[in-house]
Amino acid sequence: MIYALFILFITLLLGVIVYLINQLVKSKDHQIARLQSELDTLIGRKRQTGATMAGLEDAMATLINIQYNRDVDNHRLETALNMLQKLRQGPYAYDPETPSGNRKEYK
């Protein structure tokens, strides 16, 4: 009797192990199929020409240059605004020896 229960338990345990292995293999097969379809999509996609890529890079460089110049201009506007706010405080609030800005930063 105990021997039969032991055999039944081992059989059930082996069945569960085989089921789990089967599920793992199906999962991996599904992942492989999904990756293969993504690869096929990438292979079928049209590529940009060299001229298009060069044009995109030039446009991006121009936009980055505009953004940098905007940052510099914002800093200059902030400096001028601070000077005017200091002048607004009174006729002697502004120190005439105050430097107008760091010129090394913009070279």
Protein backbone atom coordinates (compact mmCIF):
# COMPACT_ATOMS: atom_id res chain seq x y z
CA MET A 1 0.00 0.00 0.00
CA ILE A 2 2.71 2.51 0.99
CA TYR A 3 4.74 1.41 -1.98
CA ALA A 4 1.79 2.12 -4.32
CA LEU A 5 1.27 5.59 -2.77
CA PHE A 6 4.97 6.31 -3.17
CA ILE A 7 4.85 5.27 -6.86
CA LEU A 8 1.71 7.42 -7.36
CA PHE A 9 3.40 10.42 -5.68
CA ILE A 10 6.53 10.05 -7.82
CA THR A 11 4.38 9.72 -10.96
CA LEU A 12 2.43 12.88 -10.08
CA LEU A 13 5.65 14.75 -9.31
CA LEU A 14 7.14 13.71 -12.66
CA GLY A 15 3.90 14.78 -14.39
CA VAL A 16 4.12 18.24 -12.80
CA ILE A 17 7.77 18.56 -13.80
CA VAL A 18 7.02 17.54 -17.39
CA TYR A 19 4.09 20.02 -17.49
CA LEU A 20 6.29 22.87 -16.22
CA ILE A 21 9.02 22.08 -18.73
CA ASN A 22 6.40 21.99 -21.51
CA GLN A 23 5.07 25.43 -20.44
CA LEU A 24 8.60 26.83 -20.37
CA VAL A 25 9.32 25.54 -23.87
CA LYS A 26 6.02 27.02 -25.17
CA SER A 27 6.87 30.35 -23.56
CA LYS A 28 10.30 30.39 -25.16
CA ASP A 29 8.79 29.43 -28.53
CA HIS A 30 6.37 32.36 -28.22
CA GLN A 31 9.23 34.74 -27.37
CA ILE A 32 11.28 33.48 -30.32
CA ALA A 33 8.31 33.92 -32.68
CA ARG A 34 7.72 37.48 -31.41
CA LEU A 35 11.39 38.40 -31.83
CA GLN A 36 11.43 36.89 -35.31
CA SER A 37 8.41 38.96 -36.34
CA GLU A 38 10.06 42.13 -34.96
CA LEU A 39 13.25 41.29 -36.88
CA ASP A 40 11.26 40.75 -40.08
CA THR A 41 9.59 44.13 -39.54
CA LEU A 42 12.96 45.84 -39.07
CA ILE A 43 14.42 44.17 -42.14
CA GLY A 44 11.42 45.22 -44.25
CA ARG A 45 11.51 48.84 -43.07
CA LYS A 46 12.85 51.36 -45.55
CA ARG A 47 16.10 53.00 -44.61
CA GLN A 48 16.90 56.72 -44.81
CA THR A 49 19.23 57.85 -47.58
CA GLY A 50 22.55 59.49 -46.81
CA ALA A 51 21.28 62.86 -48.00
CA THR A 52 18.25 62.63 -45.71
CA MET A 53 20.41 61.74 -42.73
CA ALA A 54 22.79 64.63 -43.51
CA GLY A 55 19.85 67.03 -43.74
CA LEU A 56 18.44 65.80 -40.43
CA GLU A 57 21.83 66.21 -38.73
CA ASP A 58 22.21 69.75 -40.11
CA ALA A 59 18.73 70.70 -38.91
CA MET A 60 19.43 69.25 -35.45
CA ALA A 61 22.74 71.15 -35.26
CA THR A 62 20.95 74.37 -36.16
CA LEU A 63 18.32 73.81 -33.47
CA ILE A 64 20.99 73.06 -30.85
CA ASN A 65 22.82 76.26 -31.84
CA ILE A 66 19.59 78.27 -31.49
CA GLN A 67 18.98 76.72 -28.08
CA TYR A 68 22.52 77.57 -26.92
CA ASN A 69 22.21 81.15 -28.16
CA ARG A 70 18.86 81.45 -26.41
CA ASP A 71 20.50 80.40 -23.15
CA VAL A 72 23.21 83.04 -23.60
CA ASP A 73 20.60 85.71 -24.41
CA ASN A 74 18.50 84.69 -21.39
CA HIS A 75 21.57 85.11 -19.17
CA ARG A 76 22.23 88.58 -20.62
CA LEU A 77 18.59 89.60 -20.15
CA GLU A 78 18.69 88.39 -16.54
CA THR A 79 21.85 90.47 -15.90
CA ALA A 80 20.24 93.59 -17.39
CA LEU A 81 17.06 93.03 -15.38
CA ASN A 82 19.08 92.70 -12.16
CA MET A 83 20.83 96.00 -12.93
CA LEU A 84 17.52 97.78 -13.54
CA GLN A 85 16.01 96.34 -10.35
CA LYS A 86 19.02 97.59 -8.41
CA LEU A 87 18.60 101.09 -9.95
CA ARG A 88 14.92 101.06 -9.01
CA GLN A 89 15.80 100.66 -5.33
CA GLY A 90 17.18 104.19 -5.18
CA PRO A 91 19.62 106.65 -6.72
CA TYR A 92 22.62 105.32 -4.75
CA ALA A 93 21.74 101.61 -4.66
CA TYR A 94 23.66 100.73 -7.82
CA ASP A 95 27.43 100.38 -7.47
CA PRO A 96 29.08 101.92 -10.55
CA GLU A 97 32.03 99.53 -10.15
CA THR A 98 29.82 96.47 -10.70
CA PRO A 99 31.11 94.40 -13.64
CA SER A 100 28.64 94.06 -16.50
CA GLY A 101 29.12 90.29 -16.80
CA ASN A 102 31.59 87.48 -17.27
CA ARG A 103 32.95 87.91 -20.78
CA LYS A 104 35.03 84.71 -20.67
CA GLU A 105 31.84 82.66 -20.63
CA TYR A 106 30.77 83.78 -24.12
CA LYS A 107 34.05 83.35 -26.04
